[in-house]
Amino acid sequence: MNTLIELTDSFSAAHLYHQPKWDQAKNDQEFGRCHTPHGHGHNYRVEVLFQAPPSLQTLEQGESSPELKTHQEALHEETRRLDHEHLNFVIPEFKNIVPTTENIARVLMERLQARKLPWAPTRLRLYEMNDLWVEVLA
């Protein structure tokens, strides 16, 4: 039997939609109102689904797995490095790629996977707004 654990966190960040390879007109056409000189910000919510081992089901009522805290801390560390930052100018991964919601989600998933956590992340969903989100599957 599979045990899936979903953890959530949130962060606020600014980003600029601008592709340096394109001229002003092309950037305006592709990114619309999101293409501004200073960018804009969002309050993001991230949900990560982890594949936990079957042994998690044998915990006694009220017990907590030590790995759960490890995973919560890892997710929180990854969101804190983005929180209240201008992604284009502060976060190295976005120096050469546009920090769209899709790219932010992909970077978060890659960073969680690189941590080699006891439970593998299987899905990451990043909400830019309640009705706008992206999902990355491992």
N, C-alpha and C. Protein backbone atom coordinates (compact mmCIF):
# COMPACT_ATOMS: atom_id res chain seq x y z
N MET A 1 0.84 -1.17 0.00
CA MET A 1 0.00 0.00 0.00
C MET A 1 0.89 1.24 0.00
N ASN A 2 0.53 2.24 -0.80
CA ASN A 2 1.28 3.48 -0.87
C ASN A 2 0.79 4.47 0.18
N THR A 3 1.72 5.18 0.77
CA THR A 3 1.40 6.26 1.69
C THR A 3 1.91 7.54 1.08
N LEU A 4 1.02 8.48 0.88
CA LEU A 4 1.38 9.77 0.30
C LEU A 4 1.19 10.84 1.36
N ILE A 5 2.17 11.71 1.48
CA ILE A 5 2.14 12.80 2.44
C ILE A 5 2.22 14.10 1.64
N GLU A 6 1.28 15.01 1.88
CA GLU A 6 1.32 16.31 1.20
C GLU A 6 1.67 17.39 2.20
N LEU A 7 2.68 18.17 1.87
CA LEU A 7 3.10 19.30 2.69
C LEU A 7 2.89 20.58 1.91
N THR A 8 2.56 21.65 2.60
CA THR A 8 2.33 22.93 1.93
C THR A 8 3.16 24.02 2.59
N ASP A 9 3.43 25.04 1.83
CA ASP A 9 4.11 26.23 2.34
C ASP A 9 3.74 27.38 1.40
N SER A 10 4.17 28.57 1.76
CA SER A 10 3.87 29.73 0.92
C SER A 10 5.05 30.70 0.97
N PHE A 11 5.08 31.55 -0.03
CA PHE A 11 6.10 32.59 -0.10
C PHE A 11 5.60 33.71 -0.99
N SER A 12 6.16 34.88 -0.82
CA SER A 12 5.84 36.03 -1.65
C SER A 12 7.11 36.41 -2.40
N ALA A 13 6.97 36.68 -3.69
CA ALA A 13 8.14 37.04 -4.48
C ALA A 13 7.73 37.87 -5.68
N ALA A 14 8.67 38.65 -6.16
CA ALA A 14 8.47 39.44 -7.36
C ALA A 14 9.24 38.80 -8.51
N HIS A 15 8.75 39.02 -9.71
CA HIS A 15 9.47 38.54 -10.89
C HIS A 15 9.16 39.46 -12.06
N LEU A 16 10.03 39.38 -13.02
CA LEU A 16 9.94 40.20 -14.23
C LEU A 16 9.86 39.27 -15.42
N TYR A 17 8.80 39.42 -16.19
CA TYR A 17 8.68 38.65 -17.42
C TYR A 17 9.36 39.44 -18.53
N HIS A 18 10.53 38.99 -18.90
CA HIS A 18 11.28 39.67 -19.97
C HIS A 18 12.25 38.65 -20.57
N GLN A 19 12.18 38.47 -21.85
CA GLN A 19 13.11 37.59 -22.57
C GLN A 19 14.13 38.48 -23.27
N PRO A 20 15.40 38.49 -22.80
CA PRO A 20 16.40 39.40 -23.37
C PRO A 20 16.67 39.18 -24.86
N LYS A 21 16.37 38.00 -25.38
CA LYS A 21 16.59 37.71 -26.79
C LYS A 21 15.57 38.41 -27.69
N TRP A 22 14.49 38.90 -27.09
CA TRP A 22 13.42 39.54 -27.87
C TRP A 22 13.48 41.05 -27.72
N ASP A 23 12.92 41.75 -28.70
CA ASP A 23 12.81 43.19 -28.60
C ASP A 23 11.60 43.55 -27.73
N GLN A 24 11.44 44.85 -27.48
CA GLN A 24 10.35 45.34 -26.63
C GLN A 24 8.98 44.90 -27.13
N ALA A 25 8.76 45.03 -28.45
CA ALA A 25 7.45 44.67 -29.02
C ALA A 25 7.12 43.19 -28.81
N LYS A 26 8.10 42.32 -29.02
CA LYS A 26 7.87 40.89 -28.86
C LYS A 26 7.60 40.55 -27.39
N ASN A 27 8.37 41.16 -26.46
CA ASN A 27 8.12 40.95 -25.04
C ASN A 27 6.73 41.43 -24.65
N ASP A 28 6.33 42.60 -25.14
CA ASP A 28 4.99 43.12 -24.85
C ASP A 28 3.92 42.19 -25.40
N GLN A 29 4.14 41.68 -26.60
CA GLN A 29 3.17 40.79 -27.24
C GLN A 29 3.03 39.48 -26.46
N GLU A 30 4.15 38.89 -26.07
CA GLU A 30 4.13 37.59 -25.40
C GLU A 30 3.68 37.67 -23.94
N PHE A 31 4.12 38.71 -23.24
CA PHE A 31 3.88 38.77 -21.80
C PHE A 31 2.79 39.76 -21.40
N GLY A 32 2.33 40.59 -22.32
CA GLY A 32 1.23 41.51 -22.03
C GLY A 32 1.53 42.41 -20.84
N ARG A 33 0.54 42.52 -19.96
CA ARG A 33 0.66 43.41 -18.80
C ARG A 33 1.70 42.93 -17.80
N CYS A 34 2.15 41.69 -17.93
CA CYS A 34 3.17 41.17 -17.02
C CYS A 34 4.57 41.66 -17.40
N HIS A 35 4.68 42.29 -18.56
CA HIS A 35 5.97 42.83 -18.99
C HIS A 35 6.03 44.30 -18.60
N THR A 36 6.65 44.57 -17.44
CA THR A 36 6.82 45.93 -16.94
C THR A 36 8.28 46.12 -16.58
N PRO A 37 8.74 47.35 -16.50
CA PRO A 37 10.16 47.57 -16.19
C PRO A 37 10.63 46.99 -14.85
N HIS A 38 9.74 46.97 -13.87
CA HIS A 38 10.15 46.54 -12.53
C HIS A 38 9.58 45.18 -12.14
N GLY A 39 8.70 44.63 -12.95
CA GLY A 39 8.11 43.35 -12.62
C GLY A 39 6.87 43.51 -11.75
N HIS A 40 6.46 42.43 -11.17
CA HIS A 40 5.29 42.40 -10.30
C HIS A 40 5.44 41.23 -9.35
N GLY A 41 4.56 41.13 -8.36
CA GLY A 41 4.71 40.08 -7.37
C GLY A 41 3.47 39.25 -7.17
N HIS A 42 3.67 38.14 -6.48
CA HIS A 42 2.58 37.21 -6.16
C HIS A 42 2.79 36.65 -4.77
N ASN A 43 1.71 36.17 -4.20
CA ASN A 43 1.75 35.36 -2.99
C ASN A 43 1.53 33.93 -3.45
N TYR A 44 2.61 33.17 -3.50
CA TYR A 44 2.57 31.80 -4.01
C TYR A 44 2.23 30.81 -2.90
N ARG A 45 1.58 29.73 -3.28
CA ARG A 45 1.36 28.59 -2.39
C ARG A 45 1.90 27.35 -3.09
N VAL A 46 2.67 26.56 -2.37
CA VAL A 46 3.26 25.35 -2.95
C VAL A 46 2.78 24.14 -2.15
N GLU A 47 2.43 23.10 -2.88
CA GLU A 47 2.03 21.82 -2.29
C GLU A 47 2.94 20.75 -2.87
N VAL A 48 3.53 19.94 -1.99
CA VAL A 48 4.43 18.88 -2.45
C VAL A 48 3.92 17.56 -1.91
N LEU A 49 3.77 16.61 -2.82
CA LEU A 49 3.34 15.26 -2.46
C LEU A 49 4.57 14.37 -2.40
N PHE A 50 4.74 13.68 -1.27
CA PHE A 50 5.87 12.78 -1.07
C PHE A 50 5.38 11.35 -0.98
N GLN A 51 6.17 10.42 -1.52
CA GLN A 51 5.91 8.99 -1.41
C GLN A 51 6.59 8.50 -0.14
N ALA A 52 5.80 8.20 0.88
CA ALA A 52 6.35 7.73 2.15
C ALA A 52 6.38 6.20 2.17
N PRO A 53 7.24 5.61 2.99
CA PRO A 53 7.32 4.14 3.04
C PRO A 53 6.11 3.54 3.75
N PRO A 54 5.81 2.28 3.45
CA PRO A 54 4.69 1.62 4.12
C PRO A 54 4.84 1.58 5.64
N SER A 55 6.08 1.61 6.14
CA SER A 55 6.30 1.55 7.59
C SER A 55 5.66 2.73 8.32
N LEU A 56 5.36 3.79 7.62
CA LEU A 56 4.72 4.95 8.23
C LEU A 56 3.34 4.58 8.76
N GLN A 57 2.72 3.58 8.17
CA GLN A 57 1.38 3.17 8.59
C GLN A 57 1.39 2.46 9.94
N THR A 58 2.55 2.04 10.41
CA THR A 58 2.63 1.30 11.67
C THR A 58 2.83 2.20 12.88
N LEU A 59 2.87 3.52 12.68
CA LEU A 59 3.04 4.43 13.81
C LEU A 59 1.81 4.34 14.72
N GLU A 60 2.06 4.44 15.99
CA GLU A 60 0.97 4.45 16.97
C GLU A 60 0.26 5.80 16.91
N GLN A 61 -0.99 5.81 17.34
CA GLN A 61 -1.75 7.05 17.35
C GLN A 61 -1.01 8.10 18.18
N GLY A 62 -0.87 9.29 17.62
CA GLY A 62 -0.16 10.37 18.30
C GLY A 62 1.32 10.42 18.01
N GLU A 63 1.87 9.35 17.43
CA GLU A 63 3.29 9.33 17.07
C GLU A 63 3.50 10.13 15.80
N SER A 64 4.69 10.66 15.64
CA SER A 64 5.04 11.36 14.42
C SER A 64 6.35 10.79 13.88
N SER A 65 6.45 10.73 12.60
CA SER A 65 7.66 10.24 11.97
C SER A 65 8.73 11.33 12.01
N PRO A 66 9.97 10.99 12.40
CA PRO A 66 11.03 12.00 12.39
C PRO A 66 11.29 12.53 10.98
N GLU A 67 11.03 11.70 9.97
CA GLU A 67 11.24 12.15 8.59
C GLU A 67 10.26 13.26 8.20
N LEU A 68 9.09 13.27 8.82
CA LEU A 68 8.10 14.30 8.50
C LEU A 68 8.67 15.68 8.79
N LYS A 69 9.30 15.84 9.93
CA LYS A 69 9.92 17.13 10.27
C LYS A 69 11.03 17.46 9.28
N THR A 70 11.83 16.48 8.90
CA THR A 70 12.91 16.69 7.92
C THR A 70 12.35 17.24 6.61
N HIS A 71 11.24 16.67 6.16
CA HIS A 71 10.64 17.11 4.91
C HIS A 71 9.99 18.49 5.02
N GLN A 72 9.35 18.75 6.15
CA GLN A 72 8.77 20.07 6.37
C GLN A 72 9.86 21.14 6.38
N GLU A 73 10.96 20.85 7.05
CA GLU A 73 12.07 21.81 7.11
C GLU A 73 12.69 22.03 5.74
N ALA A 74 12.85 20.96 4.97
CA ALA A 74 13.43 21.09 3.63
C ALA A 74 12.56 21.97 2.74
N LEU A 75 11.25 21.73 2.75
CA LEU A 75 10.34 22.55 1.95
C LEU A 75 10.40 24.00 2.40
N HIS A 76 10.39 24.22 3.71
CA HIS A 76 10.42 25.58 4.23
C HIS A 76 11.73 26.29 3.86
N GLU A 77 12.84 25.59 3.92
CA GLU A 77 14.12 26.20 3.52
C GLU A 77 14.09 26.62 2.06
N GLU A 78 13.50 25.80 1.20
CA GLU A 78 13.45 26.13 -0.23
C GLU A 78 12.53 27.32 -0.50
N THR A 79 11.42 27.40 0.22
CA THR A 79 10.53 28.55 0.00
C THR A 79 11.10 29.82 0.63
N ARG A 80 11.82 29.68 1.76
CA ARG A 80 12.40 30.87 2.41
C ARG A 80 13.45 31.53 1.53
N ARG A 81 14.17 30.75 0.74
CA ARG A 81 15.20 31.37 -0.11
C ARG A 81 14.57 32.21 -1.21
N LEU A 82 13.28 31.98 -1.51
CA LEU A 82 12.57 32.76 -2.53
C LEU A 82 11.74 33.89 -1.92
N ASP A 83 11.42 33.77 -0.64
CA ASP A 83 10.47 34.67 0.00
C ASP A 83 10.96 36.11 0.04
N HIS A 84 10.10 37.02 -0.42
CA HIS A 84 10.37 38.46 -0.45
C HIS A 84 11.63 38.82 -1.23
N GLU A 85 11.86 38.08 -2.30
CA GLU A 85 12.99 38.35 -3.19
C GLU A 85 12.45 38.71 -4.58
N HIS A 86 13.26 39.42 -5.33
CA HIS A 86 12.97 39.64 -6.75
C HIS A 86 13.72 38.53 -7.47
N LEU A 87 12.98 37.55 -7.94
CA LEU A 87 13.59 36.31 -8.45
C LEU A 87 14.61 36.55 -9.55
N ASN A 88 14.34 37.46 -10.46
CA ASN A 88 15.24 37.71 -11.58
C ASN A 88 16.62 38.19 -11.13
N PHE A 89 16.66 38.93 -10.04
CA PHE A 89 17.89 39.61 -9.66
C PHE A 89 18.62 38.96 -8.48
N VAL A 90 17.94 38.09 -7.75
CA VAL A 90 18.53 37.53 -6.53
C VAL A 90 18.79 36.03 -6.63
N ILE A 91 17.90 35.31 -7.28
CA ILE A 91 17.97 33.85 -7.31
C ILE A 91 18.78 33.39 -8.53
N PRO A 92 19.91 32.73 -8.32
CA PRO A 92 20.80 32.37 -9.44
C PRO A 92 20.13 31.60 -10.57
N GLU A 93 19.20 30.71 -10.24
CA GLU A 93 18.55 29.90 -11.28
C GLU A 93 17.78 30.75 -12.29
N PHE A 94 17.42 31.98 -11.90
CA PHE A 94 16.62 32.82 -12.79
C PHE A 94 17.41 33.95 -13.44
N LYS A 95 18.71 33.84 -13.40
CA LYS A 95 19.54 34.83 -14.08
C LYS A 95 19.41 34.70 -15.59
N ASN A 96 19.18 33.46 -16.07
CA ASN A 96 19.13 33.22 -17.51
C ASN A 96 17.83 32.62 -18.01
N ILE A 97 16.88 32.38 -17.10
CA ILE A 97 15.56 31.90 -17.54
C ILE A 97 14.48 32.78 -16.93
N VAL A 98 13.39 32.96 -17.64
CA VAL A 98 12.28 33.78 -17.17
C VAL A 98 11.59 33.03 -16.02
N PRO A 99 11.43 33.68 -14.85
CA PRO A 99 10.82 32.99 -13.72
C PRO A 99 9.28 32.93 -13.82
N THR A 100 8.82 32.18 -14.81
CA THR A 100 7.39 31.92 -14.92
C THR A 100 7.00 30.96 -13.81
N THR A 101 5.74 30.80 -13.58
CA THR A 101 5.27 29.86 -12.57
C THR A 101 5.78 28.45 -12.90
N GLU A 102 5.78 28.11 -14.18
CA GLU A 102 6.28 26.79 -14.61
C GLU A 102 7.74 26.60 -14.25
N ASN A 103 8.55 27.62 -14.51
CA ASN A 103 9.98 27.51 -14.21
C ASN A 103 10.26 27.54 -12.71
N ILE A 104 9.50 28.32 -11.95
CA ILE A 104 9.68 28.34 -10.50
C ILE A 104 9.36 26.96 -9.93
N ALA A 105 8.26 26.37 -10.38
CA ALA A 105 7.88 25.03 -9.91
C ALA A 105 8.94 24.00 -10.26
N ARG A 106 9.46 24.07 -11.47
CA ARG A 106 10.48 23.12 -11.91
C ARG A 106 11.74 23.26 -11.04
N VAL A 107 12.16 24.49 -10.77
CA VAL A 107 13.35 24.71 -9.94
C VAL A 107 13.12 24.20 -8.52
N LEU A 108 11.95 24.48 -7.95
CA LEU A 108 11.65 23.96 -6.61
C LEU A 108 11.70 22.44 -6.57
N MET A 109 11.11 21.79 -7.57
CA MET A 109 11.12 20.32 -7.60
C MET A 109 12.55 19.80 -7.74
N GLU A 110 13.34 20.40 -8.61
CA GLU A 110 14.72 19.96 -8.80
C GLU A 110 15.53 20.11 -7.51
N ARG A 111 15.32 21.20 -6.80
CA ARG A 111 16.06 21.43 -5.56
C ARG A 111 15.64 20.44 -4.47
N LEU A 112 14.36 20.12 -4.40
CA LEU A 112 13.90 19.12 -3.43
C LEU A 112 14.45 17.74 -3.78
N GLN A 113 14.44 17.40 -5.07
CA GLN A 113 14.99 16.11 -5.49
C GLN A 113 16.48 16.02 -5.20
N ALA A 114 17.21 17.11 -5.36
CA ALA A 114 18.66 17.12 -5.13
C ALA A 114 19.01 16.90 -3.66
N ARG A 115 18.08 17.16 -2.78
CA ARG A 115 18.32 16.97 -1.35
C ARG A 115 18.38 15.49 -0.95
N LYS A 116 17.94 14.60 -1.82
CA LYS A 116 17.96 13.16 -1.52
C LYS A 116 17.26 12.86 -0.18
N LEU A 117 16.06 13.38 -0.05
CA LEU A 117 15.26 13.18 1.16
C LEU A 117 14.85 11.72 1.30
N PRO A 118 14.54 11.28 2.52
CA PRO A 118 14.11 9.89 2.71
C PRO A 118 12.87 9.53 1.89
N TRP A 119 11.96 10.48 1.73
CA TRP A 119 10.77 10.24 0.91
C TRP A 119 10.92 11.06 -0.36
N ALA A 120 10.69 10.46 -1.49
CA ALA A 120 10.85 11.14 -2.78
C ALA A 120 9.66 12.06 -3.05
N PRO A 121 9.92 13.28 -3.51
CA PRO A 121 8.80 14.12 -3.96
C PRO A 121 8.27 13.57 -5.28
N THR A 122 6.97 13.39 -5.35
CA THR A 122 6.38 12.83 -6.57
C THR A 122 5.59 13.86 -7.37
N ARG A 123 5.15 14.91 -6.70
CA ARG A 123 4.38 15.96 -7.38
C ARG A 123 4.58 17.27 -6.64
N LEU A 124 4.72 18.33 -7.40
CA LEU A 124 4.78 19.66 -6.82
C LEU A 124 3.77 20.52 -7.57
N ARG A 125 2.91 21.18 -6.83
CA ARG A 125 1.93 22.08 -7.42
C ARG A 125 2.20 23.47 -6.86
N LEU A 126 2.37 24.45 -7.76
CA LEU A 126 2.64 25.82 -7.35
C LEU A 126 1.49 26.70 -7.82
N TYR A 127 0.86 27.38 -6.87
CA TYR A 127 -0.24 28.29 -7.15
C TYR A 127 0.29 29.72 -7.22
N GLU A 128 0.04 30.37 -8.34
CA GLU A 128 0.33 31.79 -8.47
C GLU A 128 -0.90 32.58 -7.99
N MET A 129 -2.06 32.04 -8.27
CA MET A 129 -3.34 32.54 -7.78
C MET A 129 -4.22 31.31 -7.56
N ASN A 130 -5.36 31.49 -6.93
CA ASN A 130 -6.22 30.33 -6.67
C ASN A 130 -6.63 29.60 -7.94
N ASP A 131 -6.77 30.34 -9.03
CA ASP A 131 -7.21 29.71 -10.27
C ASP A 131 -6.10 29.62 -11.32
N LEU A 132 -4.85 29.79 -10.90
CA LEU A 132 -3.71 29.68 -11.81
C LEU A 132 -2.60 28.93 -11.09
N TRP A 133 -2.33 27.72 -11.54
CA TRP A 133 -1.30 26.90 -10.92
C TRP A 133 -0.67 26.01 -11.97
N VAL A 134 0.47 25.46 -11.59
CA VAL A 134 1.18 24.51 -12.45
C VAL A 134 1.58 23.32 -11.60
N GLU A 135 1.65 22.18 -12.24
CA GLU A 135 2.01 20.95 -11.55
C GLU A 135 3.20 20.30 -12.23
N VAL A 136 4.18 19.89 -11.43
CA VAL A 136 5.36 19.21 -11.92
C VAL A 136 5.35 17.81 -11.32
N LEU A 137 5.47 16.80 -12.19
CA LEU A 137 5.51 15.42 -11.72
C LEU A 137 6.94 14.89 -11.82
N ALA A 138 7.32 14.11 -10.81
CA ALA A 138 8.67 13.54 -10.80
C ALA A 138 8.80 12.47 -11.86
